[in-house]
Amino acid sequence: MSSEPMYNKQMSSPPTAQDGRKLILSVDDQLGVLYTRYKLLTAEGYAVLSATDGVQALQIFASNPVDLVLLDFMLQGMDGGLVADAMKAHSPNIPILMVSGVEVPEDCIAKVNGFIRKGDGADTLLKSIRELTAVKPVRLVPRQAAI
């Protein structure tokens, strides 16, 4: 077994650069899309790991403290719906944002936390990421006084 990392090193933040930043797993079979996302997300202060297929994405997901997944629907070997199923079975609380340029079946969209089209632009992508990674306030319920 190789000691080489499973992720695409040219489009991923080095482990030392991930300190204190939200970690996003970006999954797409188009290297140009991965590179553009990497540049955009690192400029916005996120750490990024990139995967080019579903198997690689699942390996990275299982071995890294990912805060959010950007998942393409059309992947080689395994579609985004199957990848989302496996990720949700492993860690149901990690948000998955499906980003696709093709029509995605409703049952696949129901498996993820959000959906945007690849052509929707950087602002839409960043807004969706911020919403899905925002810390949700904890509602404290006062204890009942002993009677």
Protein backbone atom coordinates (compact mmCIF):
# COMPACT_ATOMS: atom_id res chain seq x y z
CA MET A 1 0.00 0.00 0.00
CA SER A 2 1.34 3.42 -0.95
CA SER A 3 1.99 6.14 1.62
CA GLU A 4 0.88 8.74 -0.91
CA PRO A 5 -2.26 10.69 0.11
CA MET A 6 -5.52 9.58 -1.52
CA TYR A 7 -6.57 13.11 -2.39
CA ASN A 8 -5.42 15.31 -5.25
CA LYS A 9 -2.47 17.16 -3.69
CA GLN A 10 -2.45 20.03 -6.20
CA MET A 11 -6.05 20.88 -5.35
CA SER A 12 -5.99 20.21 -1.60
CA SER A 13 -4.83 22.15 1.43
CA PRO A 14 -1.83 20.64 3.18
CA PRO A 15 -2.76 19.10 6.57
CA THR A 16 -0.78 21.81 8.41
CA ALA A 17 -2.86 24.53 6.71
CA GLN A 18 -6.15 23.06 7.92
CA ASP A 19 -5.68 24.26 11.52
CA GLY A 20 -8.80 26.00 12.74
CA ARG A 21 -10.41 26.30 9.31
CA LYS A 22 -13.55 24.54 8.14
CA LEU A 23 -12.59 21.54 6.03
CA ILE A 24 -14.49 21.03 2.77
CA LEU A 25 -14.32 17.87 0.68
CA SER A 26 -14.81 18.84 -2.96
CA VAL A 27 -15.79 15.94 -5.24
CA ASP A 28 -15.90 16.29 -9.03
CA ASP A 29 -14.50 14.32 -11.96
CA GLN A 30 -13.56 17.52 -13.81
CA LEU A 31 -10.11 18.71 -12.72
CA GLY A 32 -10.83 22.27 -13.87
CA VAL A 33 -13.87 22.44 -11.57
CA LEU A 34 -11.86 21.07 -8.63
CA TYR A 35 -9.06 23.58 -9.22
CA THR A 36 -11.43 26.54 -9.52
CA ARG A 37 -13.27 25.49 -6.33
CA TYR A 38 -9.97 25.01 -4.51
CA LYS A 39 -8.78 28.52 -5.43
CA LEU A 40 -12.14 30.10 -4.51
CA LEU A 41 -12.57 28.25 -1.21
CA THR A 42 -9.01 28.72 0.04
CA ALA A 43 -9.25 32.44 -0.77
CA GLU A 44 -12.39 32.49 1.43
CA GLY A 45 -10.52 30.86 4.33
CA TYR A 46 -11.57 27.23 3.96
CA ALA A 47 -9.29 24.21 3.90
CA VAL A 48 -10.04 21.90 0.95
CA LEU A 49 -9.53 18.25 0.09
CA SER A 50 -10.32 17.25 -3.49
CA ALA A 51 -11.46 13.89 -4.87
CA THR A 52 -12.09 12.90 -8.48
CA ASP A 53 -14.40 9.91 -7.94
CA GLY A 54 -16.80 8.36 -5.44
CA VAL A 55 -14.42 5.74 -4.05
CA GLN A 56 -11.70 8.30 -3.41
CA ALA A 57 -14.28 10.65 -1.85
CA LEU A 58 -15.53 7.96 0.55
CA GLN A 59 -11.97 7.11 1.63
CA ILE A 60 -11.17 10.76 2.32
CA PHE A 61 -14.52 11.30 4.05
CA ALA A 62 -13.97 8.35 6.40
CA SER A 63 -10.48 9.44 7.41
CA ASN A 64 -10.75 13.24 7.76
CA PRO A 65 -12.82 15.56 9.98
CA VAL A 66 -14.79 17.05 7.08
CA ASP A 67 -17.20 19.91 7.86
CA LEU A 68 -19.01 19.89 4.50
CA VAL A 69 -19.01 17.96 1.21
CA LEU A 70 -19.44 19.53 -2.23
CA LEU A 71 -20.61 16.61 -4.32
CA ASP A 72 -21.07 16.36 -8.07
CA PHE A 73 -23.86 14.03 -9.23
CA MET A 74 -22.21 12.65 -12.38
CA LEU A 75 -19.09 10.78 -11.27
CA GLN A 76 -17.13 7.91 -12.79
CA GLY A 77 -18.20 4.50 -11.46
CA MET A 78 -20.64 5.66 -8.80
CA ASP A 79 -23.14 8.51 -8.97
CA GLY A 80 -23.44 11.22 -6.34
CA GLY A 81 -26.62 9.67 -4.92
CA LEU A 82 -24.76 6.49 -3.96
CA VAL A 83 -21.87 8.49 -2.52
CA ALA A 84 -24.31 10.60 -0.48
CA ASP A 85 -26.02 7.44 0.84
CA ALA A 86 -22.70 6.03 2.06
CA MET A 87 -21.60 9.33 3.60
CA LYS A 88 -24.90 9.81 5.43
CA ALA A 89 -24.74 6.22 6.74
CA HIS A 90 -21.24 6.94 8.11
CA SER A 91 -21.78 10.51 9.41
CA PRO A 92 -25.38 11.71 9.08
CA ASN A 93 -24.68 15.16 10.56
CA ILE A 94 -22.10 16.25 7.96
CA PRO A 95 -23.87 18.48 5.42
CA ILE A 96 -23.67 17.57 1.75
CA LEU A 97 -24.23 20.19 -0.95
CA MET A 98 -24.82 18.62 -4.34
CA VAL A 99 -23.46 20.75 -7.17
CA SER A 100 -24.35 19.52 -10.64
CA GLY A 101 -24.64 20.72 -14.19
CA VAL A 102 -27.16 18.03 -15.13
CA GLU A 103 -30.68 17.21 -14.03
CA VAL A 104 -30.59 15.34 -10.71
CA PRO A 105 -33.39 12.95 -9.71
CA GLU A 106 -35.55 14.14 -6.82
CA ASP A 107 -34.70 11.05 -4.74
CA CYS A 108 -31.00 12.02 -4.89
CA ILE A 109 -31.70 15.64 -3.94
CA ALA A 110 -33.69 14.33 -0.95
CA LYS A 111 -30.52 12.57 0.32
CA VAL A 112 -28.48 15.78 0.61
CA ASN A 113 -28.74 19.04 2.53
CA GLY A 114 -28.77 21.35 -0.46
CA PHE A 115 -28.52 21.55 -4.23
CA ILE A 116 -27.16 24.18 -6.60
CA ARG A 117 -26.33 24.12 -10.30
CA LYS A 118 -22.72 24.44 -11.42
CA GLY A 119 -23.59 27.58 -13.40
CA ASP A 120 -25.15 29.39 -10.42
CA GLY A 121 -21.86 31.17 -9.67
CA ALA A 122 -19.41 31.64 -6.83
CA ASP A 123 -21.69 33.85 -4.71
CA THR A 124 -24.43 31.22 -4.64
CA LEU A 125 -21.93 28.49 -3.81
CA LEU A 126 -20.35 30.49 -0.97
CA LYS A 127 -23.73 31.52 0.44
CA SER A 128 -24.88 27.88 0.51
CA ILE A 129 -21.63 26.79 2.18
CA ARG A 130 -21.95 29.49 4.86
CA GLU A 131 -25.55 28.50 5.56
CA LEU A 132 -24.75 24.79 5.83
CA THR A 133 -21.66 25.26 8.02
CA ALA A 134 -23.07 27.94 10.31
CA VAL A 135 -23.02 27.04 13.98
CA LYS A 136 -26.58 26.42 15.00
CA PRO A 137 -27.51 28.03 18.33
CA VAL A 138 -28.17 25.59 21.14
CA ARG A 139 -31.48 26.13 22.83
CA LEU A 140 -31.23 25.65 26.55
CA VAL A 141 -34.33 24.45 28.31
CA PRO A 142 -34.56 25.58 31.94
CA ARG A 143 -34.83 22.84 34.50
CA GLN A 144 -38.03 22.50 36.43
CA ALA A 145 -37.63 23.59 40.04
CA ALA A 146 -38.05 20.81 42.58
CA ILE A 147 -41.43 20.94 44.23
